[in-house]
Protein backbone atom coordinates (compact mmCIF):
# COMPACT_ATOMS: atom_id res chain seq x y z
CA MET A 1 34.61 -0.96 -0.91
CA SER A 2 31.12 -2.45 -0.39
CA ILE A 3 28.68 -1.93 -3.25
CA PRO A 4 25.42 -3.87 -3.61
CA THR A 5 25.08 -6.31 -6.46
CA LYS A 6 22.31 -6.04 -9.00
CA GLU A 7 20.65 -8.98 -7.24
CA GLN A 8 20.83 -7.26 -3.83
CA LEU A 9 19.12 -4.19 -5.27
CA GLN A 10 16.46 -6.41 -6.85
CA ASP A 11 15.92 -8.18 -3.52
CA TYR A 12 15.62 -4.84 -1.74
CA GLU A 13 12.89 -3.72 -4.11
CA ALA A 14 11.22 -7.16 -4.24
CA ALA A 15 10.34 -6.90 -0.55
CA CYS A 16 7.27 -4.91 -1.61
CA ALA A 17 5.83 -7.87 -3.52
CA GLN A 18 6.87 -10.30 -0.78
CA PHE A 19 4.81 -8.42 1.81
CA THR A 20 1.82 -8.32 -0.52
CA VAL A 21 2.01 -12.08 -1.11
CA ALA A 22 2.58 -12.81 2.59
CA ILE A 23 -0.68 -11.16 3.64
CA ALA A 24 -2.88 -11.90 0.60
CA ALA A 25 -4.83 -14.86 1.99
CA LEU A 26 -5.39 -13.46 5.48
CA ASN A 27 -8.78 -12.21 6.65
CA GLU A 28 -9.28 -9.22 8.96
CA GLU A 29 -9.37 -11.36 12.09
CA GLN A 30 -6.09 -13.00 11.12
CA LEU A 31 -4.49 -9.69 10.15
CA HIS A 32 -5.28 -8.26 13.60
CA TYR A 33 -4.43 -11.39 15.60
CA LYS A 34 -1.83 -10.90 18.37
CA PRO A 35 -0.49 -13.92 20.27
CA ASN A 36 -0.34 -11.60 23.30
CA GLU A 37 -1.02 -7.94 23.91
CA ASN A 38 2.67 -6.95 23.80
CA GLU A 39 3.22 -8.29 20.27
CA TRP A 40 2.37 -6.74 16.95
CA SER A 41 -0.25 -8.08 14.59
CA VAL A 42 0.38 -8.53 10.87
CA HIS A 43 -1.63 -5.33 10.40
CA ASP A 44 0.67 -3.47 12.82
CA ILE A 45 3.73 -4.74 10.96
CA ILE A 46 2.42 -3.45 7.63
CA ILE A 47 1.71 -0.02 9.13
CA HIS A 48 5.19 -0.06 10.67
CA MET A 49 6.78 -0.88 7.30
CA GLY A 50 5.27 2.28 5.80
CA ASP A 51 6.52 4.39 8.70
CA SER A 52 9.92 2.72 8.73
CA GLU A 53 10.39 3.23 5.02
CA ILE A 54 9.93 6.97 5.56
CA GLY A 55 13.03 6.77 7.77
CA CYS A 56 14.91 4.73 5.17
CA PHE A 57 13.94 7.16 2.39
CA TRP A 58 15.16 10.11 4.49
CA ARG A 59 18.33 8.48 5.85
CA ILE A 60 19.55 7.31 2.44
CA ARG A 61 18.94 10.68 0.81
CA LYS A 62 20.50 12.55 3.71
CA THR A 63 23.61 10.37 3.52
CA VAL A 64 23.97 10.82 -0.24
CA ALA A 65 23.26 14.56 -0.24
CA GLU A 66 24.85 15.89 2.95
CA GLU A 67 28.41 15.32 4.07
CA ASN A 68 28.77 14.00 7.64
CA SER A 69 25.04 14.15 8.33
CA LEU A 70 23.34 13.10 11.54
CA LEU A 71 20.60 10.54 11.01
CA PRO A 72 17.28 10.81 12.82
CA ILE A 73 16.03 8.07 15.12
CA TYR A 74 12.52 7.30 16.28
CA ASP A 75 10.76 5.22 18.91
CA GLU A 76 8.84 2.59 16.93
CA ALA A 77 6.82 1.47 19.98
CA ALA A 78 5.68 5.04 20.59
CA TRP A 79 4.73 5.39 16.93
CA GLN A 80 2.72 2.17 17.09
CA LYS A 81 0.89 3.29 20.23
CA ASN A 82 0.44 7.00 19.60
CA LEU A 83 -0.30 6.83 15.89
CA ALA A 84 -3.11 4.32 16.49
CA TYR A 85 -1.73 1.64 14.18
CA GLU A 86 -4.79 -0.54 14.74
CA LYS A 87 -7.00 2.15 13.14
CA GLN A 88 -4.75 3.04 10.21
CA ASP A 89 -5.41 1.95 6.64
CA ARG A 90 -3.18 -1.02 5.84
CA THR A 91 -3.54 -0.57 2.08
CA LEU A 92 -2.33 3.03 2.29
CA ALA A 93 0.65 1.95 4.42
CA LEU A 94 1.56 -0.85 2.00
CA ASN A 95 1.28 1.54 -0.95
CA LEU A 96 3.47 4.07 0.88
CA PHE A 97 6.06 1.37 1.58
CA MET A 98 6.02 0.33 -2.08
CA ALA A 99 6.27 3.87 -3.44
CA LEU A 100 9.11 4.91 -1.14
CA ARG A 101 11.07 1.68 -1.60
CA THR A 102 10.64 1.77 -5.40
CA SER A 103 11.79 5.40 -5.50
CA THR A 104 14.79 4.67 -3.29
CA ALA A 105 15.75 1.61 -5.35
CA ALA A 106 15.75 3.77 -8.49
CA LEU A 107 17.95 6.34 -6.76
CA LEU A 108 20.38 3.69 -5.54
CA ARG A 109 20.71 2.20 -9.01
CA SER A 110 21.66 5.62 -10.37
CA LEU A 111 24.52 6.28 -7.94
CA PRO A 112 28.19 6.07 -8.85
CA ASP A 113 30.20 3.43 -6.98
CA ASP A 114 31.96 5.94 -4.74
CA ALA A 115 28.61 7.16 -3.31
CA TRP A 116 28.29 3.89 -1.39
CA GLN A 117 31.17 4.97 0.88
CA LYS A 118 29.49 8.21 1.95
CA THR A 119 28.81 8.22 5.67
CA SER A 120 26.37 9.53 8.22
CA THR A 121 26.24 9.18 11.97
CA HIS A 122 23.42 7.28 13.60
CA PRO A 123 23.02 8.27 17.28
CA GLU A 124 22.75 4.62 18.37
CA ARG A 125 24.83 2.79 15.75
CA GLY A 126 27.64 5.30 15.13
CA GLU A 127 29.12 5.99 11.72
CA MET A 128 27.40 4.14 8.88
CA THR A 129 28.17 4.05 5.17
CA LEU A 130 25.39 4.24 2.63
CA TYR A 131 25.95 0.52 2.07
CA ASP A 132 25.50 -0.13 5.81
CA ILE A 133 22.19 1.74 5.78
CA PHE A 134 21.06 -0.15 2.70
CA GLN A 135 21.91 -3.48 4.38
CA LEU A 136 20.08 -2.42 7.54
CA TYR A 137 16.87 -1.99 5.56
CA VAL A 138 17.32 -5.18 3.56
CA GLU A 139 17.61 -7.03 6.88
CA HIS A 140 14.76 -5.04 8.44
CA GLY A 141 12.39 -6.13 5.68
CA GLN A 142 13.41 -9.77 6.07
CA ILE A 143 12.99 -9.64 9.85
CA HIS A 144 9.41 -8.44 9.46
CA LEU A 145 8.60 -10.91 6.68
CA ASP A 146 9.83 -13.66 9.00
CA GLN A 147 7.73 -12.16 11.80
CA ILE A 148 4.62 -12.27 9.58
CA ASN A 149 5.30 -15.87 8.60
CA SER A 150 5.76 -16.79 12.25
CA LEU A 151 2.48 -15.07 13.14
CA LYS A 152 0.73 -16.95 10.36
CA GLN A 153 1.98 -20.22 11.85
CA SER A 154 0.57 -19.25 15.25
CA LEU A 155 -2.91 -18.31 14.04
CA PRO A 156 -5.60 -20.20 15.93
CA ILE A 157 -7.64 -22.58 13.81
CA THR A 158 -11.19 -21.32 13.38
CA LYS A 159 -14.23 -23.61 13.12
CA LYS A 160 -14.49 -22.82 9.40
CA GLN A 161 -10.84 -23.77 8.81
CA ASP A 162 -11.23 -26.94 10.89
CA ALA A 163 -14.27 -28.05 8.82
CA THR A 164 -12.21 -27.93 5.62
CA ARG A 165 -9.59 -30.34 6.95
């Protein structure tokens, strides 16, 4: 039976602070920089994390509360395009991500061990245990933190930055 460790739950919740630290020193131009038009900016990623955490919040609760539930899916590219990510408030999205993740972490800590074996069906991934869903979102956060760090490495050097070297 797979049950997260105390450290895994702490890491899950710590993602909130990691995103805040990762973007702290970036200016607006850097936050909206895209290496090409088909890629997301750091700003887009932060908006996505708020939206994605809504799905996590819902999927985890649905799995715990409803036997043999069907999990919802969404088209993240359509959300990015049709919800005008570039115009959304990044601070609100980050606060939403933090609030939902903190609430879910508290719920997960309160569950008995056998709850981690409850299952739901994901239309694309098949049957998933609560632990599988938890792991999916741990990995999802890390993927996007890595994406932000990669974007930061690809930022063009501005004249102001070059003068300080």
